[in-house]
Amino acid sequence: MAYERLQARDGVSVVPSDTIGIPELSTLVASGAQDSTVSSELNDSTASFTTTVKKGDIVHDTTGGQIATVVSVDSDTALTLSADIFTGTESYVIYNKPAKGVALYVGVSGDLSVETVGGRTLLFTAHPVGYAPILVKRVNATGTAATNIVALF
């Protein structure tokens, strides 16, 4: 009897968003800690944003568990973001591209709304703890009550 076996090489916690895809881990371009809090900005006095970051890149606040995109690279140490995701000194990572498709593991059951690699929005009502049976590009905030979701690469 044949069976499927998922053998992921890496993973990342998913931040549901109605507009921002799950970041492709292999496109990591910057990481650090915000050291000055300004609304809808990322400020890191040790960064070199002008050489590594561009408009549209995905910023993940790994401390607060939020996500935004880069609206503009203002200087080597400052970025304007699409949302106000930082509330203090918090760690971040920045990726250049969204993933083309990932498998998901759901840690706490609930409704799961996703955008598939085929471009459709699907709702898995009361998805149980375990693997989602489809490749996705994004987990939507609207319609998702499941939590502790991990993208597997």
Protein backbone atom coordinates (compact mmCIF):
# COMPACT_ATOMS: atom_id res chain seq x y z
CA MET A 1 0.00 0.00 0.00
CA ALA A 2 1.36 3.44 -0.94
CA TYR A 3 1.40 6.35 1.45
CA GLU A 4 2.44 9.97 1.36
CA ARG A 5 5.14 11.24 3.66
CA LEU A 6 5.93 14.90 4.26
CA GLN A 7 9.62 15.56 4.76
CA ALA A 8 10.05 19.28 5.33
CA ARG A 9 13.50 20.84 5.40
CA ASP A 10 12.48 23.97 7.33
CA GLY A 11 9.54 25.85 8.76
CA VAL A 12 8.31 29.21 9.99
CA SER A 13 5.41 30.43 12.11
CA VAL A 14 2.63 31.81 9.92
CA VAL A 15 1.18 35.28 10.43
CA PRO A 16 -2.28 35.30 8.80
CA SER A 17 -2.81 38.26 6.45
CA ASP A 18 -5.38 39.05 3.79
CA THR A 19 -2.73 40.63 1.54
CA ILE A 20 0.76 39.34 2.44
CA GLY A 21 1.93 35.89 1.45
CA ILE A 22 3.98 33.50 3.54
CA PRO A 23 7.65 34.50 3.09
CA GLU A 24 10.09 32.24 1.24
CA LEU A 25 12.75 31.43 3.85
CA SER A 26 15.55 31.20 1.31
CA THR A 27 15.10 34.91 0.46
CA LEU A 28 16.09 36.26 3.90
CA VAL A 29 17.91 39.58 3.34
CA ALA A 30 18.06 41.20 6.78
CA SER A 31 17.46 40.59 10.46
CA GLY A 32 18.01 42.50 13.66
CA ALA A 33 16.18 44.44 16.33
CA GLN A 34 14.21 47.65 16.11
CA ASP A 35 15.79 50.22 18.42
CA SER A 36 13.53 53.26 17.94
CA THR A 37 9.73 53.13 17.81
CA VAL A 38 8.05 55.35 15.21
CA SER A 39 4.57 54.55 13.87
CA SER A 40 4.67 52.39 10.71
CA GLU A 41 8.46 52.39 10.58
CA LEU A 42 11.30 49.99 11.21
CA ASN A 43 14.37 51.71 12.65
CA ASP A 44 17.60 49.80 13.28
CA SER A 45 20.76 51.85 13.83
CA THR A 46 22.94 48.83 12.93
CA ALA A 47 21.21 48.00 9.62
CA SER A 48 22.25 48.50 5.99
CA PHE A 49 18.81 48.58 4.39
CA THR A 50 19.74 50.48 1.21
CA THR A 51 21.95 47.62 0.00
CA THR A 52 19.66 44.70 0.89
CA VAL A 53 15.99 45.75 1.17
CA LYS A 54 13.54 46.97 -1.49
CA LYS A 55 9.94 48.12 -1.72
CA GLY A 56 7.53 45.20 -1.34
CA ASP A 57 9.80 43.05 0.84
CA ILE A 58 8.10 41.20 3.70
CA VAL A 59 8.93 42.30 7.28
CA HIS A 60 8.10 39.85 10.07
CA ASP A 61 8.12 41.14 13.65
CA THR A 62 9.24 37.88 15.27
CA THR A 63 8.71 39.20 18.80
CA GLY A 64 5.19 40.54 18.37
CA GLY A 65 4.11 38.08 15.68
CA GLN A 66 3.01 40.62 13.09
CA ILE A 67 3.78 41.17 9.41
CA ALA A 68 3.97 44.09 6.97
CA THR A 69 5.57 45.04 3.67
CA VAL A 70 8.17 47.69 2.93
CA VAL A 71 6.58 50.83 1.47
CA SER A 72 9.90 52.67 1.09
CA VAL A 73 13.55 52.41 2.03
CA ASP A 74 14.15 55.79 3.67
CA SER A 75 17.80 55.35 4.63
CA ASP A 76 20.32 52.71 5.62
CA THR A 77 18.65 52.48 9.03
CA ALA A 78 14.95 53.31 8.40
CA LEU A 79 12.07 51.72 6.49
CA THR A 80 8.47 52.85 6.08
CA LEU A 81 6.08 49.90 6.47
CA SER A 82 2.53 49.15 5.32
CA ALA A 83 1.38 48.69 8.93
CA ASP A 84 2.34 49.75 12.44
CA ILE A 85 3.68 46.39 13.67
CA PHE A 86 6.38 47.39 16.19
CA THR A 87 5.53 48.51 19.74
CA GLY A 88 9.03 48.60 21.21
CA THR A 89 12.44 46.99 20.88
CA GLU A 90 11.52 43.88 18.92
CA SER A 91 13.33 41.41 16.68
CA TYR A 92 12.59 41.25 12.95
CA VAL A 93 13.46 39.39 9.77
CA ILE A 94 13.00 40.63 6.19
CA TYR A 95 12.42 38.46 3.14
CA ASN A 96 12.53 39.42 -0.58
CA LYS A 97 9.76 37.14 -1.87
CA PRO A 98 6.66 35.24 -0.86
CA ALA A 99 6.71 31.45 -1.03
CA LYS A 100 5.36 29.80 -4.16
CA GLY A 101 3.68 27.10 -2.10
CA VAL A 102 4.02 25.52 1.33
CA ALA A 103 2.42 22.78 3.37
CA LEU A 104 0.82 23.80 6.67
CA TYR A 105 0.65 22.31 10.12
CA VAL A 106 -2.18 23.59 12.33
CA GLY A 107 -1.37 23.52 16.05
CA VAL A 108 -4.75 24.64 17.43
CA SER A 109 -7.91 23.64 15.57
CA GLY A 110 -10.33 26.15 14.04
CA ASP A 111 -11.47 27.50 10.69
CA LEU A 112 -8.60 27.90 8.21
CA SER A 113 -8.90 30.24 5.21
CA VAL A 114 -6.10 29.95 2.65
CA GLU A 115 -5.09 31.08 -0.82
CA THR A 116 -3.94 28.02 -2.74
CA VAL A 117 -1.04 27.90 -5.18
CA GLY A 118 -3.74 27.78 -7.86
CA GLY A 119 -5.07 31.17 -6.73
CA ARG A 120 -8.31 30.02 -5.08
CA THR A 121 -9.50 30.96 -1.62
CA LEU A 122 -10.59 27.90 0.35
CA LEU A 123 -12.12 27.63 3.79
CA PHE A 124 -11.45 24.51 5.83
CA THR A 125 -14.20 24.65 8.47
CA ALA A 126 -13.09 23.44 11.90
CA HIS A 127 -9.71 22.21 10.62
CA PRO A 128 -8.34 19.76 13.19
CA VAL A 129 -4.84 19.81 14.66
CA GLY A 130 -2.56 18.37 11.98
CA TYR A 131 -1.52 18.93 8.39
CA ALA A 132 -3.62 20.87 5.87
CA PRO A 133 -4.10 18.76 2.71
CA ILE A 134 -3.12 21.42 0.15
CA LEU A 135 -0.23 23.70 -0.90
CA VAL A 136 -0.84 27.35 -0.07
CA LYS A 137 0.65 30.80 -0.70
CA ARG A 138 -1.12 32.65 2.10
CA VAL A 139 -3.18 32.09 5.23
CA ASN A 140 -5.93 34.70 5.29
CA ALA A 141 -6.61 36.63 8.50
CA THR A 142 -10.30 36.91 7.60
CA GLY A 143 -11.94 33.56 8.23
CA THR A 144 -9.03 31.97 10.10
CA ALA A 145 -9.56 31.05 13.73
CA ALA A 146 -6.98 28.24 13.82
CA THR A 147 -3.72 29.22 15.52
CA ASN A 148 -0.14 28.05 15.98
CA ILE A 149 0.13 27.50 12.23
CA VAL A 150 3.52 26.53 10.83
CA ALA A 151 4.53 26.72 7.15
CA LEU A 152 6.69 23.77 6.12
CA PHE A 153 9.26 24.00 3.34
